[in-house]
Protein backbone atom coordinates (compact mmCIF):
# COMPACT_ATOMS: atom_id res chain seq x y z
CA UNK A 1 166.31 -15.34 101.52
CA UNK A 2 164.70 -15.42 98.05
CA UNK A 3 167.95 -15.28 96.11
CA UNK A 4 169.25 -18.24 98.43
CA UNK A 5 165.97 -20.09 97.75
CA UNK A 6 166.43 -19.67 94.02
CA UNK A 7 170.21 -20.49 94.08
CA UNK A 8 169.83 -23.71 96.12
CA UNK A 9 166.59 -25.00 95.17
CA UNK A 10 164.97 -24.22 98.64
CA UNK A 11 161.30 -23.43 99.46
CA UNK A 12 160.42 -20.21 101.54
CA UNK A 13 158.46 -21.25 104.36
CA UNK A 14 157.46 -17.59 105.38
CA UNK A 15 158.34 -14.16 104.12
CA UNK A 16 159.14 -10.89 105.92
CA UNK A 17 159.68 -12.07 109.37
CA UNK A 18 162.56 -9.84 110.14
CA UNK A 19 162.11 -7.30 112.85
CA UNK A 20 165.27 -4.97 112.30
CA UNK A 21 167.23 -4.07 109.21
CA UNK A 22 170.35 -5.63 110.68
CA UNK A 23 168.93 -9.27 110.97
CA UNK A 24 171.09 -11.85 109.53
CA UNK A 25 169.62 -14.88 107.92
CA UNK A 26 171.55 -18.49 108.52
CA UNK A 27 171.25 -21.22 106.03
CA UNK A 28 172.39 -24.65 106.91
CA UNK A 29 172.76 -27.50 104.49
CA UNK A 30 173.37 -30.85 105.58
CA UNK A 31 175.04 -33.39 103.33
CA UNK A 32 177.03 -36.63 103.19
CA UNK A 33 179.42 -35.28 100.65
CA UNK A 34 181.58 -32.33 100.59
CA UNK A 35 179.40 -29.18 99.16
CA UNK A 36 180.48 -25.73 99.28
CA UNK A 37 178.05 -22.66 98.75
CA UNK A 38 179.23 -20.66 96.01
CA UNK A 39 179.95 -16.86 96.45
CA UNK A 40 177.62 -14.72 94.29
CA UNK A 41 180.27 -11.99 94.50
CA UNK A 42 183.82 -11.29 95.92
CA UNK A 43 182.09 -8.83 98.18
CA UNK A 44 179.87 -11.40 99.81
CA UNK A 45 181.09 -12.54 103.19
CA UNK A 46 180.97 -16.25 103.90
CA UNK A 47 180.83 -17.82 107.53
CA UNK A 48 181.61 -21.39 108.31
CA UNK A 49 180.05 -23.15 111.24
CA UNK A 50 181.76 -26.38 112.64
CA UNK A 51 182.03 -28.34 115.97
CA UNK A 52 185.33 -29.70 117.38
CA UNK A 53 186.16 -31.52 120.51
CA UNK A 54 189.12 -31.18 122.94
CA UNK A 55 190.26 -33.18 126.05
CA UNK A 56 189.78 -31.32 129.45
CA UNK A 57 193.55 -30.66 129.98
CA UNK A 58 195.39 -27.47 130.43
CA UNK A 59 195.72 -25.29 127.38
CA UNK A 60 193.58 -27.39 125.15
CA UNK A 61 191.34 -24.77 123.90
CA UNK A 62 194.55 -22.36 123.75
CA UNK A 63 196.19 -24.65 121.68
CA UNK A 64 193.00 -25.35 119.16
CA UNK A 65 192.53 -21.61 118.78
CA UNK A 66 196.38 -20.82 117.86
CA UNK A 67 195.87 -21.66 114.06
CA UNK A 68 193.02 -19.43 113.83
CA UNK A 69 194.77 -16.27 115.38
CA UNK A 70 198.13 -16.98 113.57
CA UNK A 71 196.35 -17.21 110.14
CA UNK A 72 194.22 -14.05 110.74
CA UNK A 73 190.77 -15.81 110.91
CA UNK A 74 188.19 -13.97 112.86
CA UNK A 75 185.94 -16.24 114.94
CA UNK A 76 182.63 -14.69 115.68
CA UNK A 77 181.29 -17.22 117.95
CA UNK A 78 182.41 -19.96 120.25
CA UNK A 79 179.98 -21.94 122.59
CA UNK A 80 181.11 -24.83 124.92
CA UNK A 81 179.31 -27.95 126.07
CA UNK A 82 180.78 -30.31 128.47
CA UNK A 83 180.74 -34.14 127.62
CA UNK A 84 180.15 -36.90 129.81
CA UNK A 85 182.30 -36.97 133.19
CA UNK A 86 184.11 -33.65 132.22
CA UNK A 87 186.72 -35.71 130.39
CA UNK A 88 186.12 -33.52 127.16
CA UNK A 89 184.26 -30.44 125.86
CA UNK A 90 182.36 -29.89 122.52
CA UNK A 91 182.94 -26.41 120.93
CA UNK A 92 180.46 -24.93 118.52
CA UNK A 93 182.43 -22.35 116.55
CA UNK A 94 181.63 -19.69 113.73
CA UNK A 95 184.52 -18.10 111.50
CA UNK A 96 184.28 -15.52 108.80
CA UNK A 97 185.67 -17.83 106.03
CA UNK A 98 184.78 -20.32 103.76
CA UNK A 99 185.84 -24.09 104.85
CA UNK A 100 187.28 -24.76 101.33
CA UNK A 101 189.70 -21.76 101.60
CA UNK A 102 193.29 -23.14 101.97
CA UNK A 103 194.03 -20.84 104.89
CA UNK A 104 191.17 -22.50 106.74
CA UNK A 105 192.89 -25.81 106.42
CA UNK A 106 195.91 -24.49 107.49
CA UNK A 107 194.29 -23.15 110.78
CA UNK A 108 192.60 -26.35 111.35
CA UNK A 109 195.75 -28.55 111.19
């Protein structure tokens, strides 16, 4: 967290709050313009979180997921939220790639 605060000009609210060595810290940056986090080294894994919506019709989620499987992109989280009168579903997803990588754009098409 200290490195992230330095890199992105953030304030540390509280230090040493983790309770296990395997804790993962997530940072969310909200902006009106496209802005990508830069890798500090090629060994650093990047995650991307995004939200998408599908109509409630047979195979809608299957079709939405196909591009990720075909392009070898690992999805680590998928949560669903029903919208309105069950006409659509909103999904919250995490993938093990950076959004600006070409392969992610191909998967999202």
